[in-house]
């Protein structure tokens, strides 16, 4: 733990980052080491190409969408603080941290996790998941396992079940309601962040 504290002192605004995200000093140090390993040119930021070199993402069918989430603000580069704040969505909620930091809605709240997942589908950022956006994700995730006809049937059924206002799209509120019974902490987690 002593080495984590000395390494932590080399990270600018580490205390604020821990307060904002709930990460422990050891997690912040570990994430900083991972960030530095990905930052091959040692410029203090990551590009899309740096993310594409992550072997764990290489086999993920929605890899491009996950990488895109790091660049959602339209930038070309991601600094360490943005990197950590995005990864904080994948932490389980720590009720002790919430009380200690007096945080009302942490980055890793159920609502924020769902919003993050919703944005992976809503590629045109219009606040709705259209049939074509849903089909794109399903096609990417299921690839050759099902026919186009089956994919279209799954997309139609999903929209029919989730679309409460009848506009043939899924709003964030409809998305959240359709996932009420899903354990989002379990589904949206990265093993070493637990």
C-alpha atoms as a PDB file:
ATOM      1  CA  UNK A   1       0.000   0.000   0.000  1.00  0.00           C
ATOM      2  CA  UNK A   2       2.942   2.333   0.664  1.00  0.00           C
ATOM      3  CA  UNK A   3       4.022   2.058  -2.964  1.00  0.00           C
ATOM      4  CA  UNK A   4       0.460   2.855  -4.118  1.00  0.00           C
ATOM      5  CA  UNK A   5       0.512   6.063  -2.055  1.00  0.00           C
ATOM      6  CA  UNK A   6       3.908   7.138  -3.427  1.00  0.00           C
ATOM      7  CA  UNK A   7       2.793   6.336  -6.982  1.00  0.00           C
ATOM      8  CA  UNK A   8      -0.481   8.171  -6.339  1.00  0.00           C
ATOM      9  CA  UNK A   9       1.426  11.354  -5.511  1.00  0.00           C
ATOM     10  CA  UNK A  10       2.706  11.404  -9.113  1.00  0.00           C
ATOM     11  CA  UNK A  11      -0.843  11.563 -10.511  1.00  0.00           C
ATOM     12  CA  UNK A  12      -2.218  15.122 -10.745  1.00  0.00           C
ATOM     13  CA  UNK A  13      -5.513  15.668  -8.905  1.00  0.00           C
ATOM     14  CA  UNK A  14      -5.619  12.019  -7.800  1.00  0.00           C
ATOM     15  CA  UNK A  15      -7.608  12.797  -4.654  1.00  0.00           C
ATOM     16  CA  UNK A  16     -10.306  14.605  -6.642  1.00  0.00           C
ATOM     17  CA  UNK A  17     -10.396  11.733  -9.137  1.00  0.00           C
ATOM     18  CA  UNK A  18     -10.904   9.244  -6.301  1.00  0.00           C
ATOM     19  CA  UNK A  19     -13.690  11.388  -4.851  1.00  0.00           C
ATOM     20  CA  UNK A  20     -15.385  11.695  -8.265  1.00  0.00           C
ATOM     21  CA  UNK A  21     -15.147   8.008  -9.146  1.00  0.00           C
ATOM     22  CA  UNK A  22     -14.925   6.069  -5.884  1.00  0.00           C
ATOM     23  CA  UNK A  23     -11.779   4.287  -7.018  1.00  0.00           C
ATOM     24  CA  UNK A  24      -9.327   3.344  -4.297  1.00  0.00           C
ATOM     25  CA  UNK A  25      -5.724   4.615  -4.388  1.00  0.00           C
ATOM     26  CA  UNK A  26      -4.607   1.173  -5.597  1.00  0.00           C
ATOM     27  CA  UNK A  27      -7.164   1.233  -8.432  1.00  0.00           C
ATOM     28  CA  UNK A  28      -6.139   4.725  -9.550  1.00  0.00           C
ATOM     29  CA  UNK A  29      -2.476   3.693  -9.576  1.00  0.00           C
ATOM     30  CA  UNK A  30      -3.307   0.528 -11.505  1.00  0.00           C
ATOM     31  CA  UNK A  31      -5.401   2.471 -14.017  1.00  0.00           C
ATOM     32  CA  UNK A  32      -2.597   5.017 -14.385  1.00  0.00           C
ATOM     33  CA  UNK A  33      -0.119   2.234 -15.124  1.00  0.00           C
ATOM     34  CA  UNK A  34      -2.524   0.765 -17.693  1.00  0.00           C
ATOM     35  CA  UNK A  35      -3.038   4.212 -19.238  1.00  0.00           C
ATOM     36  CA  UNK A  36       0.709   4.767 -19.502  1.00  0.00           C
ATOM     37  CA  UNK A  37       1.191   1.342 -21.085  1.00  0.00           C
ATOM     38  CA  UNK A  38      -1.443   2.189 -23.707  1.00  0.00           C
ATOM     39  CA  UNK A  39       0.077   5.644 -24.306  1.00  0.00           C
ATOM     40  CA  UNK A  40       2.844   4.315 -26.533  1.00  0.00           C
ATOM     41  CA  UNK A  41       3.970   7.789 -27.656  1.00  0.00           C
ATOM     42  CA  UNK A  42       4.017   9.092 -24.037  1.00  0.00           C
ATOM     43  CA  UNK A  43       2.016  12.195 -24.921  1.00  0.00           C
ATOM     44  CA  UNK A  44      -0.343  11.999 -21.937  1.00  0.00           C
ATOM     45  CA  UNK A  45      -3.412  11.039 -23.953  1.00  0.00           C
ATOM     46  CA  UNK A  46      -4.818   8.100 -25.867  1.00  0.00           C
ATOM     47  CA  UNK A  47      -6.025   7.951 -29.449  1.00  0.00           C
ATOM     48  CA  UNK A  48      -8.504   5.543 -30.996  1.00  0.00           C
ATOM     49  CA  UNK A  49      -5.542   3.498 -32.240  1.00  0.00           C
ATOM     50  CA  UNK A  50      -4.282   3.123 -28.669  1.00  0.00           C
ATOM     51  CA  UNK A  51      -7.660   1.669 -27.665  1.00  0.00           C
ATOM     52  CA  UNK A  52      -7.664  -0.623 -30.685  1.00  0.00           C
ATOM     53  CA  UNK A  53      -4.469  -2.217 -29.366  1.00  0.00           C
ATOM     54  CA  UNK A  54      -6.262  -3.479 -26.224  1.00  0.00           C
ATOM     55  CA  UNK A  55      -6.380  -7.235 -26.712  1.00  0.00           C
ATOM     56  CA  UNK A  56      -9.393  -7.650 -24.412  1.00  0.00           C
ATOM     57  CA  UNK A  57     -11.414  -5.451 -26.770  1.00  0.00           C
ATOM     58  CA  UNK A  58     -10.238  -7.201 -29.926  1.00  0.00           C
ATOM     59  CA  UNK A  59     -12.833  -9.968 -29.626  1.00  0.00           C
ATOM     60  CA  UNK A  60     -15.698  -7.791 -28.429  1.00  0.00           C
ATOM     61  CA  UNK A  61     -18.247  -7.501 -31.238  1.00  0.00           C
ATOM     62  CA  UNK A  62     -19.188  -3.936 -30.271  1.00  0.00           C
ATOM     63  CA  UNK A  63     -15.582  -2.862 -29.802  1.00  0.00           C
ATOM     64  CA  UNK A  64     -15.956   0.189 -32.046  1.00  0.00           C
ATOM     65  CA  UNK A  65     -18.930   1.417 -30.042  1.00  0.00           C
ATOM     66  CA  UNK A  66     -17.120   0.899 -26.738  1.00  0.00           C
ATOM     67  CA  UNK A  67     -14.083   2.786 -28.020  1.00  0.00           C
ATOM     68  CA  UNK A  68     -16.402   5.482 -29.358  1.00  0.00           C
ATOM     69  CA  UNK A  69     -17.814   5.965 -25.850  1.00  0.00           C
ATOM     70  CA  UNK A  70     -14.418   7.277 -24.741  1.00  0.00           C
ATOM     71  CA  UNK A  71     -14.615   9.873 -27.509  1.00  0.00           C
ATOM     72  CA  UNK A  72     -18.289  10.777 -27.045  1.00  0.00           C
ATOM     73  CA  UNK A  73     -17.465  14.430 -26.419  1.00  0.00           C
ATOM     74  CA  UNK A  74     -16.124  14.669 -29.976  1.00  0.00           C
ATOM     75  CA  UNK A  75     -12.446  14.883 -29.092  1.00  0.00           C
ATOM     76  CA  UNK A  76      -9.626  13.113 -30.862  1.00  0.00           C
ATOM     77  CA  UNK A  77      -7.740  12.252 -27.670  1.00  0.00           C
ATOM     78  CA  UNK A  78      -8.595  11.000 -24.180  1.00  0.00           C
ATOM     79  CA  UNK A  79      -6.655  12.179 -21.138  1.00  0.00           C
ATOM     80  CA  UNK A  80      -6.171  10.130 -17.980  1.00  0.00           C
ATOM     81  CA  UNK A  81      -9.014  11.746 -16.040  1.00  0.00           C
ATOM     82  CA  UNK A  82     -11.530  11.094 -18.838  1.00  0.00           C
ATOM     83  CA  UNK A  83     -10.221   7.530 -19.144  1.00  0.00           C
ATOM     84  CA  UNK A  84     -10.811   6.899 -15.414  1.00  0.00           C
ATOM     85  CA  UNK A  85     -14.231   8.573 -15.374  1.00  0.00           C
ATOM     86  CA  UNK A  86     -15.450   6.418 -18.274  1.00  0.00           C
ATOM     87  CA  UNK A  87     -14.144   3.270 -16.578  1.00  0.00           C
ATOM     88  CA  UNK A  88     -15.905   4.297 -13.361  1.00  0.00           C
ATOM     89  CA  UNK A  89     -19.203   3.332 -15.043  1.00  0.00           C
ATOM     90  CA  UNK A  90     -18.074  -0.286 -14.664  1.00  0.00           C
ATOM     91  CA  UNK A  91     -17.493  -0.156 -10.893  1.00  0.00           C
ATOM     92  CA  UNK A  92     -20.089  -1.541  -8.529  1.00  0.00           C
ATOM     93  CA  UNK A  93     -21.709   1.139  -6.375  1.00  0.00           C
ATOM     94  CA  UNK A  94     -19.956   1.530  -3.027  1.00  0.00           C
ATOM     95  CA  UNK A  95     -22.489   2.923  -0.552  1.00  0.00           C
ATOM     96  CA  UNK A  96     -19.734   3.813   1.949  1.00  0.00           C
ATOM     97  CA  UNK A  97     -18.035   5.995  -0.670  1.00  0.00           C
ATOM     98  CA  UNK A  98     -21.324   7.766  -1.450  1.00  0.00           C
ATOM     99  CA  UNK A  99     -21.813   8.751   2.182  1.00  0.00           C
ATOM    100  CA  UNK A 100     -18.185   9.741   2.677  1.00  0.00           C
ATOM    101  CA  UNK A 101     -17.996  11.883  -0.481  1.00  0.00           C
ATOM    102  CA  UNK A 102     -21.588  13.174  -0.131  1.00  0.00           C
ATOM    103  CA  UNK A 103     -22.390  12.205  -3.729  1.00  0.00           C
ATOM    104  CA  UNK A 104     -26.018  12.133  -4.836  1.00  0.00           C
ATOM    105  CA  UNK A 105     -25.623  10.490  -8.247  1.00  0.00           C
ATOM    106  CA  UNK A 106     -22.253   8.797  -8.715  1.00  0.00           C
ATOM    107  CA  UNK A 107     -20.809   8.039 -12.142  1.00  0.00           C
ATOM    108  CA  UNK A 108     -21.481   4.354 -11.514  1.00  0.00           C
ATOM    109  CA  UNK A 109     -25.119   4.717 -10.432  1.00  0.00           C
ATOM    110  CA  UNK A 110     -27.645   2.423 -12.054  1.00  0.00           C
ATOM    111  CA  UNK A 111     -29.054   5.338 -14.077  1.00  0.00           C
ATOM    112  CA  UNK A 112     -25.628   6.409 -15.338  1.00  0.00           C
ATOM    113  CA  UNK A 113     -24.694   2.840 -16.223  1.00  0.00           C
ATOM    114  CA  UNK A 114     -27.919   2.497 -18.187  1.00  0.00           C
ATOM    115  CA  UNK A 115     -27.320   5.862 -19.878  1.00  0.00           C
ATOM    116  CA  UNK A 116     -23.839   4.678 -20.883  1.00  0.00           C
ATOM    117  CA  UNK A 117     -25.268   1.423 -22.316  1.00  0.00           C
ATOM    118  CA  UNK A 118     -28.061   3.337 -24.060  1.00  0.00           C
ATOM    119  CA  UNK A 119     -25.496   5.522 -25.818  1.00  0.00           C
ATOM    120  CA  UNK A 120     -23.813   2.432 -27.242  1.00  0.00           C
ATOM    121  CA  UNK A 121     -27.041   1.807 -29.174  1.00  0.00           C
ATOM    122  CA  UNK A 122     -28.091   5.416 -29.890  1.00  0.00           C
ATOM    123  CA  UNK A 123     -25.369   6.163 -32.422  1.00  0.00           C
ATOM    124  CA  UNK A 124     -26.975   9.262 -33.915  1.00  0.00           C
ATOM    125  CA  UNK A 125     -27.457  10.740 -30.415  1.00  0.00           C
ATOM    126  CA  UNK A 126     -31.091  11.641 -31.001  1.00  0.00           C
ATOM    127  CA  UNK A 127     -32.204  10.229 -27.638  1.00  0.00           C
ATOM    128  CA  UNK A 128     -33.879   7.179 -29.204  1.00  0.00           C
ATOM    129  CA  UNK A 129     -32.808   3.718 -30.285  1.00  0.00           C
ATOM    130  CA  UNK A 130     -34.295   3.229 -33.721  1.00  0.00           C
ATOM    131  CA  UNK A 131     -34.982  -0.110 -35.356  1.00  0.00           C
ATOM    132  CA  UNK A 132     -31.963   0.357 -37.646  1.00  0.00           C
ATOM    133  CA  UNK A 133     -29.654   1.166 -34.694  1.00  0.00           C
ATOM    134  CA  UNK A 134     -30.907  -1.892 -32.828  1.00  0.00           C
ATOM    135  CA  UNK A 135     -30.421  -4.023 -35.931  1.00  0.00           C
ATOM    136  CA  UNK A 136     -26.835  -2.755 -36.317  1.00  0.00           C
ATOM    137  CA  UNK A 137     -25.960  -3.805 -32.776  1.00  0.00           C
ATOM    138  CA  UNK A 138     -27.724  -7.156 -33.057  1.00  0.00           C
ATOM    139  CA  UNK A 139     -26.062  -7.877 -36.401  1.00  0.00           C
ATOM    140  CA  UNK A 140     -22.663  -7.027 -34.940  1.00  0.00           C
ATOM    141  CA  UNK A 141     -23.183  -9.050 -31.771  1.00  0.00           C
ATOM    142  CA  UNK A 142     -24.808 -12.110 -33.283  1.00  0.00           C
ATOM    143  CA  UNK A 143     -23.028 -12.077 -36.671  1.00  0.00           C
ATOM    144  CA  UNK A 144     -23.550 -15.396 -38.449  1.00  0.00           C
ATOM    145  CA  UNK A 145     -25.420 -17.109 -35.622  1.00  0.00           C
ATOM    146  CA  UNK A 146     -28.836 -16.047 -36.917  1.00  0.00           C
ATOM    147  CA  UNK A 147     -30.404 -15.124 -40.244  1.00  0.00           C
ATOM    148  CA  UNK A 148     -31.362 -11.580 -41.240  1.00  0.00           C
ATOM    149  CA  UNK A 149     -34.990 -12.583 -40.921  1.00  0.00           C
ATOM    150  CA  UNK A 150     -34.421 -13.742 -37.340  1.00  0.00           C
ATOM    151  CA  UNK A 151     -32.522 -10.526 -36.522  1.00  0.00           C
ATOM    152  CA  UNK A 152     -35.360  -8.417 -37.857  1.00  0.00           C
ATOM    153  CA  UNK A 153     -37.836 -10.433 -35.833  1.00  0.00           C
ATOM    154  CA  UNK A 154     -35.761  -9.931 -32.648  1.00  0.00           C
ATOM    155  CA  UNK A 155     -35.471  -6.179 -33.307  1.00  0.00           C
ATOM    156  CA  UNK A 156     -39.198  -5.824 -34.011  1.00  0.00           C
ATOM    157  CA  UNK A 157     -40.154  -7.790 -30.912  1.00  0.00           C
ATOM    158  CA  UNK A 158     -37.716  -5.815 -28.743  1.00  0.00           C
ATOM    159  CA  UNK A 159     -39.079  -2.485 -29.935  1.00  0.00           C
ATOM    160  CA  UNK A 160     -42.660  -3.699 -29.612  1.00  0.00           C
ATOM    161  CA  UNK A 161     -42.070  -4.741 -25.984  1.00  0.00           C
ATOM    162  CA  UNK A 162     -40.063  -1.669 -24.928  1.00  0.00           C
ATOM    163  CA  UNK A 163     -41.781   1.084 -26.946  1.00  0.00           C
ATOM    164  CA  UNK A 164     -44.419   2.413 -24.573  1.00  0.00           C
ATOM    165  CA  UNK A 165     -45.322   5.580 -26.490  1.00  0.00           C
ATOM    166  CA  UNK A 166     -45.764   3.885 -29.881  1.00  0.00           C
ATOM    167  CA  UNK A 167     -43.162   5.906 -31.823  1.00  0.00           C
ATOM    168  CA  UNK A 168     -41.321   2.779 -33.103  1.00  0.00           C
ATOM    169  CA  UNK A 169     -38.176   3.655 -31.160  1.00  0.00           C
ATOM    170  CA  UNK A 170     -36.879   3.171 -27.632  1.00  0.00           C
ATOM    171  CA  UNK A 171     -36.312   6.280 -25.510  1.00  0.00           C
ATOM    172  CA  UNK A 172     -33.969   6.248 -22.532  1.00  0.00           C
ATOM    173  CA  UNK A 173     -36.905   6.011 -20.110  1.00  0.00           C
ATOM    174  CA  UNK A 174     -38.318   3.051 -22.053  1.00  0.00           C
ATOM    175  CA  UNK A 175     -34.843   1.456 -22.137  1.00  0.00           C
ATOM    176  CA  UNK A 176     -34.490   1.909 -18.367  1.00  0.00           C
ATOM    177  CA  UNK A 177     -37.953   0.508 -17.701  1.00  0.00           C
ATOM    178  CA  UNK A 178     -37.326  -2.535 -19.910  1.00  0.00           C
ATOM    179  CA  UNK A 179     -34.186  -3.324 -17.876  1.00  0.00           C
ATOM    180  CA  UNK A 180     -35.717  -2.827 -14.407  1.00  0.00           C
ATOM    181  CA  UNK A 181     -35.119  -6.404 -13.323  1.00  0.00           C
ATOM    182  CA  UNK A 182     -31.616  -6.746 -14.815  1.00  0.00           C
ATOM    183  CA  UNK A 183     -28.648  -6.719 -12.431  1.00  0.00           C
ATOM    184  CA  UNK A 184     -26.775  -3.949 -14.213  1.00  0.00           C
ATOM    185  CA  UNK A 185     -23.849  -4.023 -11.729  1.00  0.00           C
ATOM    186  CA  UNK A 186     -23.195  -7.614 -12.741  1.00  0.00           C
ATOM    187  CA  UNK A 187     -23.667  -7.025 -16.478  1.00  0.00           C
ATOM    188  CA  UNK A 188     -21.584  -3.850 -16.583  1.00  0.00           C
ATOM    189  CA  UNK A 189     -18.472  -4.730 -14.646  1.00  0.00           C
ATOM    190  CA  UNK A 190     -14.787  -5.144 -15.278  1.00  0.00           C
ATOM    191  CA  UNK A 191     -13.323  -7.883 -13.130  1.00  0.00           C
ATOM    192  CA  UNK A 192     -10.358  -5.977 -11.688  1.00  0.00           C
ATOM    193  CA  UNK A 193     -12.544  -3.006 -10.694  1.00  0.00           C
ATOM    194  CA  UNK A 194     -14.538  -5.046  -8.139  1.00  0.00           C
END
